[in-house]
Amino acid sequence: MAVANIHKALEEAIRTRRQVELRYMDDDGFRVFEPYVLHVLGGMHRVVSGVQVSHSQDKDMANSWGCLEVAQISEVKLREQTFRPHRGFSSFAVERYQHVTCAVDRS
C-alpha cells in the first residue's frame, strides 16, 4: 500500500473517529489502533499518534498511547468500530506537535 494511500486512510479514520487495523514494520499480524493525531516528529518523521487497542504479538501493549511512523506502516484498513477520544486528550494541546495534518476533534 502506498504511503499516500496510508496517509489518506489515517486522515479519514481520524476525521470519523474510526479504529484501524494496521500492519507495522515486521508484524506478522495486525494491530488495532485509534488514531488521534497525524503530525511530524523530530522535524522529519511523519507519525500517527493514538491508542493501540490491541497487538497480535504483544498483549502488554494493549490500551497504550503510542506513535507509529507512517512510512513503516505497510497496510491499513478502516474498521466500522468508532471510538471516543480519551478524556485526557485535548485537541487544543495539539500545538505541542509539529506540522499537524489532522487531529481528532473532542466535540
PDB file of N, CA and C in Angstrom:
ATOM      1  N   MET A   1       0.862  -1.178   0.000  1.00  0.00           N
ATOM      2  CA  MET A   1       0.000   0.000   0.000  1.00  0.00           C
ATOM      3  C   MET A   1       0.903   1.235   0.000  1.00  0.00           C
ATOM      4  N   ALA A   2       0.631   2.173  -0.879  1.00  0.00           N
ATOM      5  CA  ALA A   2       1.456   3.377  -0.993  1.00  0.00           C
ATOM      6  C   ALA A   2       1.282   4.278   0.231  1.00  0.00           C
ATOM      7  N   VAL A   3       2.356   4.971   0.599  1.00  0.00           N
ATOM      8  CA  VAL A   3       2.339   5.856   1.770  1.00  0.00           C
ATOM      9  C   VAL A   3       1.236   6.903   1.643  1.00  0.00           C
ATOM     10  N   ALA A   4       1.020   7.441   0.440  1.00  0.00           N
ATOM     11  CA  ALA A   4      -0.036   8.446   0.247  1.00  0.00           C
ATOM     12  C   ALA A   4      -1.411   7.868   0.573  1.00  0.00           C
ATOM     13  N   ASN A   5      -1.655   6.613   0.196  1.00  0.00           N
ATOM     14  CA  ASN A   5      -2.933   5.966   0.497  1.00  0.00           C
ATOM     15  C   ASN A   5      -3.070   5.678   1.987  1.00  0.00           C
ATOM     16  N   ILE A   6      -1.981   5.312   2.624  1.00  0.00           N
ATOM     17  CA  ILE A   6      -1.986   5.088   4.074  1.00  0.00           C
ATOM     18  C   ILE A   6      -2.307   6.395   4.781  1.00  0.00           C
ATOM     19  N   HIS A   7      -1.674   7.464   4.335  1.00  0.00           N
ATOM     20  CA  HIS A   7      -1.898   8.792   4.909  1.00  0.00           C
ATOM     21  C   HIS A   7      -3.374   9.183   4.779  1.00  0.00           C
ATOM     22  N   LYS A   8      -3.963   8.986   3.602  1.00  0.00           N
ATOM     23  CA  LYS A   8      -5.376   9.312   3.369  1.00  0.00           C
ATOM     24  C   LYS A   8      -6.291   8.487   4.269  1.00  0.00           C
ATOM     25  N   ALA A   9      -5.999   7.199   4.388  1.00  0.00           N
ATOM     26  CA  ALA A   9      -6.824   6.324   5.231  1.00  0.00           C
ATOM     27  C   ALA A   9      -6.756   6.751   6.693  1.00  0.00           C
ATOM     28  N   LEU A  10      -5.570   7.136   7.159  1.00  0.00           N
ATOM     29  CA  LEU A  10      -5.429   7.593   8.545  1.00  0.00           C
ATOM     30  C   LEU A  10      -6.169   8.906   8.771  1.00  0.00           C
ATOM     31  N   GLU A  11      -6.101   9.818   7.806  1.00  0.00           N
ATOM     32  CA  GLU A  11      -6.851  11.076   7.921  1.00  0.00           C
ATOM     33  C   GLU A  11      -8.349  10.809   8.007  1.00  0.00           C
ATOM     34  N   GLU A  12      -8.845   9.912   7.172  1.00  0.00           N
ATOM     35  CA  GLU A  12     -10.270   9.561   7.193  1.00  0.00           C
ATOM     36  C   GLU A  12     -10.653   8.949   8.547  1.00  0.00           C
ATOM     37  N   ALA A  13      -9.813   8.073   9.060  1.00  0.00           N
ATOM     38  CA  ALA A  13     -10.084   7.446  10.358  1.00  0.00           C
ATOM     39  C   ALA A  13     -10.114   8.488  11.477  1.00  0.00           C
ATOM     40  N   ILE A  14      -9.212   9.445  11.433  1.00  0.00           N
ATOM     41  CA  ILE A  14      -9.176  10.499  12.454  1.00  0.00           C
ATOM     42  C   ILE A  14     -10.432  11.360  12.359  1.00  0.00           C
ATOM     43  N   ARG A  15     -10.789  11.770  11.161  1.00  0.00           N
ATOM     44  CA  ARG A  15     -11.974  12.630  10.980  1.00  0.00           C
ATOM     45  C   ARG A  15     -13.261  11.946  11.429  1.00  0.00           C
ATOM     46  N   THR A  16     -13.352  10.635  11.199  1.00  0.00           N
ATOM     47  CA  THR A  16     -14.582   9.900  11.515  1.00  0.00           C
ATOM     48  C   THR A  16     -14.489   9.117  12.820  1.00  0.00           C
ATOM     49  N   ARG A  17     -13.347   9.252  13.505  1.00  0.00           N
ATOM     50  CA  ARG A  17     -13.106   8.552  14.784  1.00  0.00           C
ATOM     51  C   ARG A  17     -13.318   7.048  14.653  1.00  0.00           C
ATOM     52  N   ARG A  18     -12.731   6.490  13.621  1.00  0.00           N
ATOM     53  CA  ARG A  18     -12.839   5.044  13.403  1.00  0.00           C
ATOM     54  C   ARG A  18     -11.522   4.365  13.721  1.00  0.00           C
ATOM     55  N   GLN A  19     -11.637   3.203  14.327  1.00  0.00           N
ATOM     56  CA  GLN A  19     -10.453   2.387  14.570  1.00  0.00           C
ATOM     57  C   GLN A  19      -9.909   1.892  13.231  1.00  0.00           C
ATOM     58  N   VAL A  20      -8.616   1.576  13.235  1.00  0.00           N
ATOM     59  CA  VAL A  20      -7.995   0.968  12.063  1.00  0.00           C
ATOM     60  C   VAL A  20      -7.288  -0.312  12.479  1.00  0.00           C
ATOM     61  N   GLU A  21      -7.152  -1.208  11.530  1.00  0.00           N
ATOM     62  CA  GLU A  21      -6.257  -2.350  11.664  1.00  0.00           C
ATOM     63  C   GLU A  21      -5.063  -2.002  10.805  1.00  0.00           C
ATOM     64  N   LEU A  22      -3.870  -2.138  11.365  1.00  0.00           N
ATOM     65  CA  LEU A  22      -2.691  -1.822  10.567  1.00  0.00           C
ATOM     66  C   LEU A  22      -1.584  -2.832  10.807  1.00  0.00           C
ATOM     67  N   ARG A  23      -0.769  -2.969   9.787  1.00  0.00           N
ATOM     68  CA  ARG A  23       0.417  -3.827   9.872  1.00  0.00           C
ATOM     69  C   ARG A  23       1.609  -2.876   9.937  1.00  0.00           C
ATOM     70  N   TYR A  24       2.413  -3.024  10.982  1.00  0.00           N
ATOM     71  CA  TYR A  24       3.516  -2.103  11.229  1.00  0.00           C
ATOM     72  C   TYR A  24       4.842  -2.840  11.205  1.00  0.00           C
ATOM     73  N   MET A  25       5.783  -2.310  10.484  1.00  0.00           N
ATOM     74  CA  MET A  25       7.132  -2.860  10.352  1.00  0.00           C
ATOM     75  C   MET A  25       7.068  -4.336   9.986  1.00  0.00           C
ATOM     76  N   ASP A  26       7.620  -5.193  10.829  1.00  0.00           N
ATOM     77  CA  ASP A  26       7.684  -6.619  10.513  1.00  0.00           C
ATOM     78  C   ASP A  26       6.609  -7.437  11.210  1.00  0.00           C
ATOM     79  N   ASP A  27       5.525  -6.795  11.645  1.00  0.00           N
ATOM     80  CA  ASP A  27       4.452  -7.526  12.325  1.00  0.00           C
ATOM     81  C   ASP A  27       3.913  -8.636  11.434  1.00  0.00           C
ATOM     82  N   ASP A  28       3.672  -9.792  12.046  1.00  0.00           N
ATOM     83  CA  ASP A  28       3.009 -10.877  11.321  1.00  0.00           C
ATOM     84  C   ASP A  28       1.504 -10.638  11.256  1.00  0.00           C
ATOM     85  N   GLY A  29       0.967 -10.048  12.322  1.00  0.00           N
ATOM     86  CA  GLY A  29      -0.472  -9.793  12.387  1.00  0.00           C
ATOM     87  C   GLY A  29      -0.776  -8.310  12.374  1.00  0.00           C
ATOM     88  N   PHE A  30      -2.028  -8.005  12.625  1.00  0.00           N
ATOM     89  CA  PHE A  30      -2.479  -6.617  12.635  1.00  0.00           C
ATOM     90  C   PHE A  30      -2.565  -6.073  14.052  1.00  0.00           C
ATOM     91  N   ARG A  31      -2.418  -4.764  14.164  1.00  0.00           N
ATOM     92  CA  ARG A  31      -2.669  -4.038  15.401  1.00  0.00           C
ATOM     93  C   ARG A  31      -3.991  -3.298  15.210  1.00  0.00           C
ATOM     94  N   VAL A  32      -4.761  -3.186  16.277  1.00  0.00           N
ATOM     95  CA  VAL A  32      -5.946  -2.333  16.247  1.00  0.00           C
ATOM     96  C   VAL A  32      -5.538  -1.033  16.922  1.00  0.00           C
ATOM     97  N   PHE A  33      -5.776   0.081  16.240  1.00  0.00           N
ATOM     98  CA  PHE A  33      -5.255   1.377  16.657  1.00  0.00           C
ATOM     99  C   PHE A  33      -6.338   2.439  16.521  1.00  0.00           C
ATOM    100  N   GLU A  34      -6.402   3.347  17.486  1.00  0.00           N
ATOM    101  CA  GLU A  34      -7.297   4.505  17.428  1.00  0.00           C
ATOM    102  C   GLU A  34      -6.440   5.733  17.139  1.00  0.00           C
ATOM    103  N   PRO A  35      -6.439   6.213  15.899  1.00  0.00           N
ATOM    104  CA  PRO A  35      -5.576   7.344  15.536  1.00  0.00           C
ATOM    105  C   PRO A  35      -6.155   8.679  16.009  1.00  0.00           C
ATOM    106  N   TYR A  36      -5.326   9.484  16.673  1.00  0.00           N
ATOM    107  CA  TYR A  36      -5.752  10.782  17.193  1.00  0.00           C
ATOM    108  C   TYR A  36      -5.134  11.951  16.429  1.00  0.00           C
ATOM    109  N   VAL A  37      -3.835  11.863  16.135  1.00  0.00           N
ATOM    110  CA  VAL A  37      -3.123  12.994  15.530  1.00  0.00           C
ATOM    111  C   VAL A  37      -2.153  12.476  14.471  1.00  0.00           C
ATOM    112  N   LEU A  38      -2.157  13.124  13.316  1.00  0.00           N
ATOM    113  CA  LEU A  38      -1.185  12.855  12.265  1.00  0.00           C
ATOM    114  C   LEU A  38      -0.277  14.071  12.219  1.00  0.00           C
ATOM    115  N   HIS A  39       1.030  13.873  12.438  1.00  0.00           N
ATOM    116  CA  HIS A  39       1.941  15.013  12.595  1.00  0.00           C
ATOM    117  C   HIS A  39       3.373  14.614  12.282  1.00  0.00           C
ATOM    118  N   VAL A  40       4.290  15.573  12.423  1.00  0.00           N
ATOM    119  CA  VAL A  40       5.718  15.336  12.218  1.00  0.00           C
ATOM    120  C   VAL A  40       6.386  15.252  13.580  1.00  0.00           C
ATOM    121  N   LEU A  41       7.282  14.301  13.733  1.00  0.00           N
ATOM    122  CA  LEU A  41       8.017  14.115  14.982  1.00  0.00           C
ATOM    123  C   LEU A  41       9.501  14.281  14.698  1.00  0.00           C
ATOM    124  N   GLY A  42      10.164  15.052  15.526  1.00  0.00           N
ATOM    125  CA  GLY A  42      11.601  15.241  15.363  1.00  0.00           C
ATOM    126  C   GLY A  42      11.980  15.987  14.101  1.00  0.00           C
ATOM    127  N   GLY A  43      11.041  16.723  13.538  1.00  0.00           N
ATOM    128  CA  GLY A  43      11.331  17.538  12.369  1.00  0.00           C
ATOM    129  C   GLY A  43      11.361  16.812  11.048  1.00  0.00           C
ATOM    130  N   MET A  44      11.259  15.460  11.061  1.00  0.00           N
ATOM    131  CA  MET A  44      11.379  14.768   9.782  1.00  0.00           C
ATOM    132  C   MET A  44      10.527  13.518   9.612  1.00  0.00           C
ATOM    133  N   HIS A  45      10.028  12.937  10.671  1.00  0.00           N
ATOM    134  CA  HIS A  45       9.278  11.687  10.549  1.00  0.00           C
ATOM    135  C   HIS A  45       7.782  11.933  10.685  1.00  0.00           C
ATOM    136  N   ARG A  46       7.007  11.589   9.655  1.00  0.00           N
ATOM    137  CA  ARG A  46       5.550  11.696   9.724  1.00  0.00           C
ATOM    138  C   ARG A  46       5.062  10.525  10.569  1.00  0.00           C
ATOM    139  N   VAL A  47       4.323  10.826  11.629  1.00  0.00           N
ATOM    140  CA  VAL A  47       3.840   9.788  12.540  1.00  0.00           C
ATOM    141  C   VAL A  47       2.352   9.966  12.805  1.00  0.00           C
ATOM    142  N   VAL A  48       1.740   8.884  13.260  1.00  0.00           N
ATOM    143  CA  VAL A  48       0.371   8.924  13.748  1.00  0.00           C
ATOM    144  C   VAL A  48       0.437   8.571  15.231  1.00  0.00           C
ATOM    145  N   SER A  49      -0.182   9.406  16.056  1.00  0.00           N
ATOM    146  CA  SER A  49      -0.225   9.167  17.496  1.00  0.00           C
ATOM    147  C   SER A  49      -1.634   8.762  17.874  1.00  0.00           C
ATOM    148  N   GLY A  50      -1.730   7.851  18.827  1.00  0.00           N
ATOM    149  CA  GLY A  50      -3.039   7.406  19.266  1.00  0.00           C
ATOM    150  C   GLY A  50      -2.940   6.264  20.248  1.00  0.00           C
ATOM    151  N   VAL A  51      -4.046   5.580  20.420  1.00  0.00           N
ATOM    152  CA  VAL A  51      -4.131   4.482  21.381  1.00  0.00           C
ATOM    153  C   VAL A  51      -4.097   3.155  20.636  1.00  0.00           C
ATOM    154  N   GLN A  52      -3.162   2.309  21.040  1.00  0.00           N
ATOM    155  CA  GLN A  52      -3.102   0.966  20.487  1.00  0.00           C
ATOM    156  C   GLN A  52      -4.040   0.095  21.307  1.00  0.00           C
ATOM    157  N   VAL A  53      -5.132  -0.331  20.707  1.00  0.00           N
ATOM    158  CA  VAL A  53      -6.153  -1.106  21.404  1.00  0.00           C
ATOM    159  C   VAL A  53      -5.696  -2.542  21.611  1.00  0.00           C
ATOM    160  N   SER A  54      -5.109  -3.116  20.582  1.00  0.00           N
ATOM    161  CA  SER A  54      -4.600  -4.485  20.705  1.00  0.00           C
ATOM    162  C   SER A  54      -3.442  -4.689  19.736  1.00  0.00           C
ATOM    163  N   HIS A  55      -2.626  -5.669  20.076  1.00  0.00           N
ATOM    164  CA  HIS A  55      -1.449  -6.008  19.280  1.00  0.00           C
ATOM    165  C   HIS A  55      -1.376  -7.525  19.270  1.00  0.00           C
ATOM    166  N   SER A  56      -1.426  -8.114  18.097  1.00  0.00           N
ATOM    167  CA  SER A  56      -1.489  -9.574  17.997  1.00  0.00           C
ATOM    168  C   SER A  56      -0.263 -10.271  18.570  1.00  0.00           C
ATOM    169  N   GLN A  57       0.871  -9.568  18.650  1.00  0.00           N
ATOM    170  CA  GLN A  57       2.103 -10.206  19.106  1.00  0.00           C
ATOM    171  C   GLN A  57       2.555  -9.765  20.490  1.00  0.00           C
ATOM    172  N   ASP A  58       1.985  -8.702  21.029  1.00  0.00           N
ATOM    173  CA  ASP A  58       2.429  -8.203  22.334  1.00  0.00           C
ATOM    174  C   ASP A  58       1.229  -7.696  23.126  1.00  0.00           C
ATOM    175  N   LYS A  59       0.673  -8.558  23.953  1.00  0.00           N
ATOM    176  CA  LYS A  59      -0.531  -8.225  24.729  1.00  0.00           C
ATOM    177  C   LYS A  59      -0.278  -7.098  25.724  1.00  0.00           C
ATOM    178  N   ASP A  60       0.974  -6.893  26.153  1.00  0.00           N
ATOM    179  CA  ASP A  60       1.297  -5.828  27.109  1.00  0.00           C
ATOM    180  C   ASP A  60       1.134  -4.440  26.501  1.00  0.00           C
ATOM    181  N   MET A  61       1.067  -4.358  25.185  1.00  0.00           N
ATOM    182  CA  MET A  61       0.945  -3.058  24.526  1.00  0.00           C
ATOM    183  C   MET A  61      -0.507  -2.638  24.320  1.00  0.00           C
ATOM    184  N   ALA A  62      -1.451  -3.448  24.784  1.00  0.00           N
ATOM    185  CA  ALA A  62      -2.867  -3.112  24.620  1.00  0.00           C
ATOM    186  C   ALA A  62      -3.224  -1.881  25.441  1.00  0.00           C
ATOM    187  N   ASN A  63      -4.063  -1.041  24.859  1.00  0.00           N
ATOM    188  CA  ASN A  63      -4.559   0.181  25.509  1.00  0.00           C
ATOM    189  C   ASN A  63      -3.442   1.111  25.961  1.00  0.00           C
ATOM    190  N   SER A  64      -2.438   1.251  25.120  1.00  0.00           N
ATOM    191  CA  SER A  64      -1.330   2.155  25.442  1.00  0.00           C
ATOM    192  C   SER A  64      -1.201   3.222  24.352  1.00  0.00           C
ATOM    193  N   TRP A  65      -0.760   4.416  24.761  1.00  0.00           N
ATOM    194  CA  TRP A  65      -0.540   5.522  23.834  1.00  0.00           C
ATOM    195  C   TRP A  65       0.741   5.253  23.067  1.00  0.00           C
ATOM    196  N   GLY A  66       0.743   5.564  21.782  1.00  0.00           N
ATOM    197  CA  GLY A  66       1.954   5.352  21.010  1.00  0.00           C
ATOM    198  C   GLY A  66       2.008   6.208  19.764  1.00  0.00           C
ATOM    199  N   CYS A  67       3.199   6.291  19.185  1.00  0.00           N
ATOM    200  CA  CYS A  67       3.443   6.991  17.927  1.00  0.00           C
ATOM    201  C   CYS A  67       4.011   5.976  16.946  1.00  0.00           C
ATOM    202  N   LEU A  68       3.429   5.902  15.781  1.00  0.00           N
ATOM    203  CA  LEU A  68       3.888   4.981  14.752  1.00  0.00           C
ATOM    204  C   LEU A  68       4.314   5.778  13.525  1.00  0.00           C
ATOM    205  N   GLU A  69       5.473   5.452  12.995  1.00  0.00           N
ATOM    206  CA  GLU A  69       5.973   6.138  11.806  1.00  0.00           C
ATOM    207  C   GLU A  69       5.175   5.682  10.580  1.00  0.00           C
ATOM    208  N   VAL A  70       4.573   6.624   9.879  1.00  0.00           N
ATOM    209  CA  VAL A  70       3.702   6.308   8.747  1.00  0.00           C
ATOM    210  C   VAL A  70       4.447   5.504   7.681  1.00  0.00           C
ATOM    211  N   ALA A  71       5.696   5.825   7.410  1.00  0.00           N
ATOM    212  CA  ALA A  71       6.475   5.115   6.387  1.00  0.00           C
ATOM    213  C   ALA A  71       6.703   3.645   6.737  1.00  0.00           C
ATOM    214  N   GLN A  72       6.533   3.283   8.009  1.00  0.00           N
ATOM    215  CA  GLN A  72       6.731   1.899   8.445  1.00  0.00           C
ATOM    216  C   GLN A  72       5.424   1.101   8.476  1.00  0.00           C
ATOM    217  N   ILE A  73       4.312   1.751   8.124  1.00  0.00           N
ATOM    218  CA  ILE A  73       3.022   1.062   8.058  1.00  0.00           C
ATOM    219  C   ILE A  73       2.867   0.511   6.644  1.00  0.00           C
ATOM    220  N   SER A  74       2.682  -0.801   6.531  1.00  0.00           N
ATOM    221  CA  SER A  74       2.586  -1.404   5.197  1.00  0.00           C
ATOM    222  C   SER A  74       1.145  -1.593   4.734  1.00  0.00           C
ATOM    223  N   GLU A  75       0.216  -1.588   5.676  1.00  0.00           N
ATOM    224  CA  GLU A  75      -1.185  -1.803   5.317  1.00  0.00           C
ATOM    225  C   GLU A  75      -2.067  -1.193   6.397  1.00  0.00           C
ATOM    226  N   VAL A  76      -3.180  -0.615   5.990  1.00  0.00           N
ATOM    227  CA  VAL A  76      -4.143  -0.066   6.951  1.00  0.00           C
ATOM    228  C   VAL A  76      -5.555  -0.317   6.427  1.00  0.00           C
ATOM    229  N   LYS A  77      -6.435  -0.728   7.329  1.00  0.00           N
ATOM    230  CA  LYS A  77      -7.841  -0.972   6.991  1.00  0.00           C
ATOM    231  C   LYS A  77      -8.708  -0.229   7.990  1.00  0.00           C
ATOM    232  N   LEU A  78      -9.656   0.551   7.493  1.00  0.00           N
ATOM    233  CA  LEU A  78     -10.609   1.210   8.376  1.00  0.00           C
ATOM    234  C   LEU A  78     -11.604   0.180   8.887  1.00  0.00           C
ATOM    235  N   ARG A  79     -11.899   0.257  10.173  1.00  0.00           N
ATOM    236  CA  ARG A  79     -12.899  -0.620  10.780  1.00  0.00           C
ATOM    237  C   ARG A  79     -14.204   0.151  10.933  1.00  0.00           C
ATOM    238  N   GLU A  80     -15.285  -0.553  11.090  1.00  0.00           N
ATOM    239  CA  GLU A  80     -16.578   0.084  11.348  1.00  0.00           C
ATOM    240  C   GLU A  80     -16.631   0.641  12.765  1.00  0.00           C
ATOM    241  N   GLN A  81     -15.869   0.036  13.673  1.00  0.00           N
ATOM    242  CA  GLN A  81     -15.865   0.424  15.087  1.00  0.00           C
ATOM    243  C   GLN A  81     -15.350   1.854  15.257  1.00  0.00           C
ATOM    244  N   THR A  82     -16.162   2.695  15.899  1.00  0.00           N
ATOM    245  CA  THR A  82     -15.737   4.063  16.196  1.00  0.00           C
ATOM    246  C   THR A  82     -15.195   4.124  17.621  1.00  0.00           C
ATOM    247  N   PHE A  83     -14.592   5.253  17.965  1.00  0.00           N
ATOM    248  CA  PHE A  83     -14.065   5.426  19.321  1.00  0.00           C
ATOM    249  C   PHE A  83     -14.369   6.821  19.829  1.00  0.00           C
ATOM    250  N   ARG A  84     -14.388   6.949  21.133  1.00  0.00           N
ATOM    251  CA  ARG A  84     -14.500   8.257  21.786  1.00  0.00           C
ATOM    252  C   ARG A  84     -13.108   8.644  22.231  1.00  0.00           C
ATOM    253  N   PRO A  85     -12.698   9.872  21.975  1.00  0.00           N
ATOM    254  CA  PRO A  85     -11.373  10.296  22.434  1.00  0.00           C
ATOM    255  C   PRO A  85     -11.257  10.157  23.952  1.00  0.00           C
ATOM    256  N   HIS A  86     -10.115   9.711  24.379  1.00  0.00           N
ATOM    257  CA  HIS A  86      -9.835   9.565  25.804  1.00  0.00           C
ATOM    258  C   HIS A  86     -10.032  10.906  26.488  1.00  0.00           C
ATOM    259  N   ARG A  87     -10.608  10.894  27.674  1.00  0.00           N
ATOM    260  CA  ARG A  87     -10.917  12.163  28.350  1.00  0.00           C
ATOM    261  C   ARG A  87      -9.672  12.984  28.666  1.00  0.00           C
ATOM    262  N   GLY A  88      -8.506  12.350  28.699  1.00  0.00           N
ATOM    263  CA  GLY A  88      -7.263  13.070  28.946  1.00  0.00           C
ATOM    264  C   GLY A  88      -6.699  13.751  27.711  1.00  0.00           C
ATOM    265  N   PHE A  89      -7.289  13.459  26.542  1.00  0.00           N
ATOM    266  CA  PHE A  89      -6.796  14.049  25.298  1.00  0.00           C
ATOM    267  C   PHE A  89      -7.475  15.385  25.056  1.00  0.00           C
ATOM    268  N   SER A  90      -6.705  16.378  24.694  1.00  0.00           N
ATOM    269  CA  SER A  90      -7.257  17.683  24.349  1.00  0.00           C
ATOM    270  C   SER A  90      -6.815  18.057  22.941  1.00  0.00           C
ATOM    271  N   SER A  91      -7.776  18.299  22.079  1.00  0.00           N
ATOM    272  CA  SER A  91      -7.426  18.723  20.724  1.00  0.00           C
ATOM    273  C   SER A  91      -6.786  20.107  20.740  1.00  0.00           C
ATOM    274  N   PHE A  92      -6.939  20.819  21.851  1.00  0.00           N
ATOM    275  CA  PHE A  92      -6.299  22.129  21.978  1.00  0.00           C
ATOM    276  C   PHE A  92      -4.809  21.998  22.280  1.00  0.00           C
ATOM    277  N   ALA A  93      -4.375  20.822  22.695  1.00  0.00           N
ATOM    278  CA  ALA A  93      -2.969  20.608  23.034  1.00  0.00           C
ATOM    279  C   ALA A  93      -2.149  20.157  21.831  1.00  0.00           C
ATOM    280  N   VAL A  94      -2.774  20.057  20.671  1.00  0.00           N
ATOM    281  CA  VAL A  94      -2.032  19.569  19.507  1.00  0.00           C
ATOM    282  C   VAL A  94      -0.960  20.537  19.039  1.00  0.00           C
ATOM    283  N   GLU A  95      -0.979  21.774  19.547  1.00  0.00           N
ATOM    284  CA  GLU A  95       0.081  22.708  19.147  1.00  0.00           C
ATOM    285  C   GLU A  95       1.452  22.253  19.639  1.00  0.00           C
ATOM    286  N   ARG A  96       1.484  21.325  20.585  1.00  0.00           N
ATOM    287  CA  ARG A  96       2.785  20.802  21.027  1.00  0.00           C
ATOM    288  C   ARG A  96       3.391  19.858  19.988  1.00  0.00           C
ATOM    289  N   TYR A  97       2.547  19.409  19.043  1.00  0.00           N
ATOM    290  CA  TYR A  97       3.037  18.586  17.944  1.00  0.00           C
ATOM    291  C   TYR A  97       3.498  19.503  16.814  1.00  0.00           C
ATOM    292  N   GLN A  98       4.400  18.999  15.979  1.00  0.00           N
ATOM    293  CA  GLN A  98       4.880  19.779  14.842  1.00  0.00           C
ATOM    294  C   GLN A  98       4.084  19.420  13.589  1.00  0.00           C
ATOM    295  N   HIS A  99       3.751  20.415  12.808  1.00  0.00           N
ATOM    296  CA  HIS A  99       3.141  20.214  11.493  1.00  0.00           C
ATOM    297  C   HIS A  99       1.982  19.214  11.528  1.00  0.00           C
ATOM    298  N   VAL A 100       0.967  19.541  12.293  1.00  0.00           N
ATOM    299  CA  VAL A 100      -0.207  18.673  12.408  1.00  0.00           C
ATOM    300  C   VAL A 100      -0.991  18.711  11.096  1.00  0.00           C
ATOM    301  N   THR A 101      -1.251  17.540  10.540  1.00  0.00           N
ATOM    302  CA  THR A 101      -2.053  17.407   9.332  1.00  0.00           C
ATOM    303  C   THR A 101      -3.519  17.232   9.690  1.00  0.00           C
ATOM    304  N   CYS A 102      -3.765  16.455  10.735  1.00  0.00           N
ATOM    305  CA  CYS A 102      -5.127  16.118  11.107  1.00  0.00           C
ATOM    306  C   CYS A 102      -5.134  15.726  12.585  1.00  0.00           C
ATOM    307  N   ALA A 103      -6.185  16.126  13.304  1.00  0.00           N
ATOM    308  CA  ALA A 103      -6.324  15.758  14.718  1.00  0.00           C
ATOM    309  C   ALA A 103      -7.786  15.504  15.028  1.00  0.00           C
ATOM    310  N   VAL A 104      -8.034  14.537  15.894  1.00  0.00           N
ATOM    311  CA  VAL A 104      -9.397  14.216  16.292  1.00  0.00           C
ATOM    312  C   VAL A 104      -9.994  15.399  17.052  1.00  0.00           C
ATOM    313  N   ASP A 105     -11.259  15.634  16.827  1.00  0.00           N
ATOM    314  CA  ASP A 105     -11.968  16.725  17.498  1.00  0.00           C
ATOM    315  C   ASP A 105     -12.723  16.138  18.680  1.00  0.00           C
ATOM    316  N   ARG A 106     -12.606  16.770  19.828  1.00  0.00           N
ATOM    317  CA  ARG A 106     -13.260  16.248  21.033  1.00  0.00           C
ATOM    318  C   ARG A 106     -14.733  16.603  21.113  1.00  0.00           C
ATOM    319  N   SER A 107     -15.229  17.456  20.268  1.00  0.00           N
ATOM    320  CA  SER A 107     -16.628  17.884  20.382  1.00  0.00           C
ATOM    321  C   SER A 107     -17.600  16.764  20.092  1.00  0.00           C
TER     322      SER A 107
END
